């Protein structure tokens, strides 16, 4: 039996814990050991709620035999650094796929991926390493999602979409057929993306347009 450690004990971490208890492999392949977080007061105010213990900090934790990890952090670049750190110490990341998610055999999933409840997938989808796909997201046929990308609740990626690495697509957005979203780009909530999004840019609106921050 492996022992899962959740990186990050904030609100998302607590949600990931709950989702983990309803994910494939829980109780048969792995149990939940606890959390690590550099904020040792992360559970202040949540005592007695039944969460597993906060067992140490991210910066100091050394993986031991049968540890496995998942990362709850939503900010993709911070997540990238933290996962690299744990892997450099020999940590192994597993996928958390909610029991209510159905994947066709043609779907390819990397490592360290979190897929929450009611996410839907078409055929021949590819999901890279360390992605977060939240509840109610719809991933159309032939979509490709790069590493460390975050797809929020009720996002729709229509068939043939290509999402780069380190991309964030916020809640209720739609990316239209065959659109490419470049590395490091962000799509604001409730947007409709109908043309290519250049790497490192932020777009929002219907149709989505680039936002330039002064």
Protein backbone atom coordinates (compact mmCIF):
# COMPACT_ATOMS: atom_id res chain seq x y z
CA UNK A 1 0.00 0.00 0.00
CA UNK A 2 1.30 3.44 -0.98
CA UNK A 3 0.77 6.50 1.21
CA UNK A 4 -0.39 9.71 -0.47
CA UNK A 5 0.94 13.09 0.62
CA UNK A 6 -0.95 16.17 -0.58
CA UNK A 7 1.29 19.17 -1.26
CA UNK A 8 -0.52 22.30 -0.07
CA UNK A 9 -2.94 22.40 2.85
CA UNK A 10 -5.00 25.44 1.87
CA UNK A 11 -8.54 25.42 0.52
CA UNK A 12 -7.61 23.62 -2.69
CA UNK A 13 -5.62 21.07 -0.71
CA UNK A 14 -8.60 20.31 1.50
CA UNK A 15 -10.76 19.93 -1.61
CA UNK A 16 -8.21 17.62 -3.23
CA UNK A 17 -8.20 15.51 -0.07
CA UNK A 18 -11.98 15.04 -0.33
CA UNK A 19 -11.75 14.26 -4.04
CA UNK A 20 -8.92 11.80 -3.37
CA UNK A 21 -11.15 9.75 -1.08
CA UNK A 22 -13.49 9.32 -4.07
CA UNK A 23 -10.78 8.57 -6.63
CA UNK A 24 -9.69 5.39 -8.36
CA UNK A 25 -7.24 3.39 -6.23
CA UNK A 26 -8.13 4.92 -2.85
CA UNK A 27 -8.14 2.24 -0.17
CA UNK A 28 -6.90 -0.47 -2.52
CA UNK A 29 -3.65 0.94 -3.95
CA UNK A 30 -2.99 3.87 -1.63
CA UNK A 31 -4.23 5.62 1.49
CA UNK A 32 -3.75 9.23 2.60
CA UNK A 33 -0.84 9.99 4.91
CA UNK A 34 -1.27 13.75 5.28
CA UNK A 35 -0.28 17.16 3.98
CA UNK A 36 2.91 19.15 3.63
CA UNK A 37 2.85 22.96 3.52
CA UNK A 38 5.37 25.67 4.35
CA UNK A 39 2.61 27.39 6.34
CA UNK A 40 2.40 25.26 9.46
CA UNK A 41 -0.73 27.19 10.52
CA UNK A 42 -2.67 26.22 7.40
CA UNK A 43 -5.18 24.22 9.45
CA UNK A 44 -5.84 26.93 12.01
CA UNK A 45 -9.62 27.15 12.32
CA UNK A 46 -10.15 23.70 10.83
CA UNK A 47 -9.23 21.62 13.86
CA UNK A 48 -11.67 18.77 14.45
CA UNK A 49 -12.81 18.62 10.82
CA UNK A 50 -11.24 15.21 10.31
CA UNK A 51 -8.45 16.13 7.92
CA UNK A 52 -5.23 14.08 7.90
CA UNK A 53 -2.30 15.69 9.72
CA UNK A 54 0.03 18.39 8.46
CA UNK A 55 3.25 16.38 8.70
CA UNK A 56 5.89 18.89 7.67
CA UNK A 57 7.01 21.63 5.33
CA UNK A 58 7.56 21.36 1.59
CA UNK A 59 11.05 22.82 1.83
CA UNK A 60 12.19 20.22 4.38
CA UNK A 61 10.21 17.06 3.63
CA UNK A 62 12.26 14.06 2.52
CA UNK A 63 10.24 11.30 0.81
CA UNK A 64 10.39 7.86 2.42
CA UNK A 65 9.57 4.40 1.13
CA UNK A 66 5.97 4.04 -0.18
CA UNK A 67 5.31 7.80 -0.21
CA UNK A 68 3.49 9.09 -3.28
CA UNK A 69 2.48 12.68 -3.96
CA UNK A 70 -0.09 14.96 -5.51
CA UNK A 71 0.12 18.75 -5.71
CA UNK A 72 -2.94 20.90 -5.01
CA UNK A 73 -1.40 24.25 -5.96
CA UNK A 74 -3.38 26.17 -8.56
CA UNK A 75 -0.75 28.71 -9.68
CA UNK A 76 1.01 26.80 -12.43
CA UNK A 77 4.54 28.22 -12.13
CA UNK A 78 4.62 27.74 -8.35
CA UNK A 79 3.34 24.20 -8.83
CA UNK A 80 6.09 23.57 -11.37
CA UNK A 81 8.82 24.60 -8.91
CA UNK A 82 7.36 22.57 -6.04
CA UNK A 83 6.90 19.40 -8.08
CA UNK A 84 10.44 19.71 -9.46
CA UNK A 85 11.74 20.02 -5.89
CA UNK A 86 9.93 16.91 -4.65
CA UNK A 87 10.97 14.90 -7.73
CA UNK A 88 14.59 15.95 -7.21
CA UNK A 89 14.37 14.23 -3.81
CA UNK A 90 13.04 11.02 -5.36
CA UNK A 91 9.33 11.69 -4.82
CA UNK A 92 6.85 9.83 -7.03
CA UNK A 93 3.65 11.50 -8.25
CA UNK A 94 0.45 9.58 -8.97
CA UNK A 95 -2.73 10.51 -10.81
CA UNK A 96 -5.95 11.28 -8.97
CA UNK A 97 -8.88 10.45 -11.23
CA UNK A 98 -12.33 10.74 -9.67
CA UNK A 99 -14.51 7.64 -9.79
CA UNK A 100 -17.14 9.54 -11.79
CA UNK A 101 -14.71 10.23 -14.65
CA UNK A 102 -14.89 7.85 -17.63
CA UNK A 103 -11.88 7.70 -19.95
CA UNK A 104 -11.88 5.98 -23.33
CA UNK A 105 -8.86 3.65 -23.77
CA UNK A 106 -7.46 6.05 -26.40
CA UNK A 107 -7.03 8.84 -23.82
CA UNK A 108 -3.39 9.30 -22.75
CA UNK A 109 -2.71 10.76 -19.30
CA UNK A 110 0.70 11.83 -17.97
CA UNK A 111 1.85 11.69 -14.35
CA UNK A 112 0.76 13.81 -11.39
CA UNK A 113 -2.57 14.66 -13.05
CA UNK A 114 -5.71 15.54 -11.07
CA UNK A 115 -9.09 15.05 -12.75
CA UNK A 116 -12.11 16.03 -10.67
CA UNK A 117 -15.68 14.74 -10.76
CA UNK A 118 -17.91 14.98 -13.82
CA UNK A 119 -15.10 15.97 -16.16
CA UNK A 120 -15.87 14.56 -19.61
CA UNK A 121 -13.39 13.35 -22.24
CA UNK A 122 -13.69 12.59 -25.92
CA UNK A 123 -11.55 10.06 -27.74
CA UNK A 124 -7.83 10.41 -28.50
CA UNK A 125 -7.20 13.13 -25.94
CA UNK A 126 -3.66 13.67 -24.60
CA UNK A 127 -3.09 15.22 -21.17
CA UNK A 128 0.47 16.08 -20.13
CA UNK A 129 2.13 15.80 -16.72
CA UNK A 130 0.91 17.62 -13.59
CA UNK A 131 -2.26 19.02 -15.12
CA UNK A 132 -5.32 19.99 -13.07
CA UNK A 133 -8.71 19.44 -14.72
CA UNK A 134 -11.52 20.58 -12.47
CA UNK A 135 -15.11 19.44 -12.10
CA UNK A 136 -17.45 19.68 -15.04
CA UNK A 137 -14.75 20.43 -17.62
CA UNK A 138 -15.42 18.99 -21.09
CA UNK A 139 -12.39 17.95 -23.11
CA UNK A 140 -13.34 17.28 -26.74
CA UNK A 141 -11.95 14.65 -29.11
CA UNK A 142 -8.32 14.98 -30.19
CA UNK A 143 -7.54 17.75 -27.68
CA UNK A 144 -3.91 18.00 -26.56
CA UNK A 145 -3.04 19.59 -23.21
CA UNK A 146 0.58 20.32 -22.30
CA UNK A 147 2.36 19.90 -18.97
CA UNK A 148 1.34 21.83 -15.85
CA UNK A 149 -1.77 23.32 -17.41
CA UNK A 150 -4.90 24.12 -15.41
CA UNK A 151 -8.40 23.71 -16.80
CA UNK A 152 -10.97 25.13 -14.40
CA UNK A 153 -14.59 24.21 -13.67
CA UNK A 154 -16.99 23.90 -16.63
CA UNK A 155 -14.40 24.87 -19.23
CA UNK A 156 -15.13 23.45 -22.69
CA UNK A 157 -12.27 22.58 -25.04
CA UNK A 158 -13.89 21.75 -28.37
CA UNK A 159 -12.39 19.10 -30.66
CA UNK A 160 -8.84 19.54 -31.88
CA UNK A 161 -7.83 22.28 -29.42
CA UNK A 162 -4.15 22.43 -28.50
CA UNK A 163 -3.22 23.79 -25.07
CA UNK A 164 0.45 24.50 -24.39
CA UNK A 165 2.47 24.10 -21.20
CA UNK A 166 1.77 26.19 -18.06
CA UNK A 167 -1.58 27.45 -19.38
CA UNK A 168 -4.47 28.54 -17.15
CA UNK A 169 -8.03 28.54 -18.48
CA UNK A 170 -10.50 29.92 -15.97
CA UNK A 171 -14.07 28.93 -15.17
CA UNK A 172 -16.82 28.69 -17.81
CA UNK A 173 -14.56 29.51 -20.75
CA UNK A 174 -14.90 27.91 -24.19
CA UNK A 175 -12.04 27.34 -26.62
CA UNK A 176 -13.33 26.79 -30.14
CA UNK A 177 -12.39 24.08 -32.67
CA UNK A 178 -8.67 23.61 -33.41
CA UNK A 179 -7.62 26.80 -31.58
CA UNK A 180 -4.06 26.81 -30.21
CA UNK A 181 -3.38 28.39 -26.79
CA UNK A 182 0.36 29.03 -26.41
CA UNK A 183 2.66 28.24 -23.50
CA UNK A 184 2.12 30.32 -20.39
CA UNK A 185 -1.07 31.95 -21.64
CA UNK A 186 -4.11 32.71 -19.48
CA UNK A 187 -7.77 32.78 -20.46
CA UNK A 188 -10.07 34.80 -18.21
CA UNK A 189 -13.33 33.40 -16.85
CA UNK A 190 -16.39 33.19 -19.12
CA UNK A 191 -14.39 33.82 -22.30
CA UNK A 192 -15.01 32.48 -25.82
CA UNK A 193 -11.70 31.92 -27.58
CA UNK A 194 -12.00 31.76 -31.36
CA UNK A 195 -8.42 32.46 -32.51
CA UNK A 196 -4.87 31.56 -31.54
CA UNK A 197 -3.64 32.84 -28.16
CA UNK A 198 0.03 33.82 -28.26
CA UNK A 199 2.39 32.42 -25.61
CA UNK A 200 2.53 34.38 -22.37
CA UNK A 201 -0.52 36.54 -23.10
CA UNK A 202 -3.81 36.95 -21.24
CA UNK A 203 -7.12 37.08 -23.10
CA UNK A 204 -10.68 37.60 -21.91
CA UNK A 205 -14.14 38.29 -23.28
CA UNK A 206 -16.53 37.13 -26.02
CA UNK A 207 -14.78 36.96 -28.37
CA UNK A 208 -11.64 36.80 -26.26
CA UNK A 209 -9.18 39.65 -26.77
CA UNK A 210 -5.74 40.30 -25.38
CA UNK A 211 -5.56 42.22 -22.11
CA UNK A 212 -2.53 44.47 -21.61
CA UNK A 213 -1.82 45.44 -18.02
CA UNK A 214 -0.29 48.87 -17.50
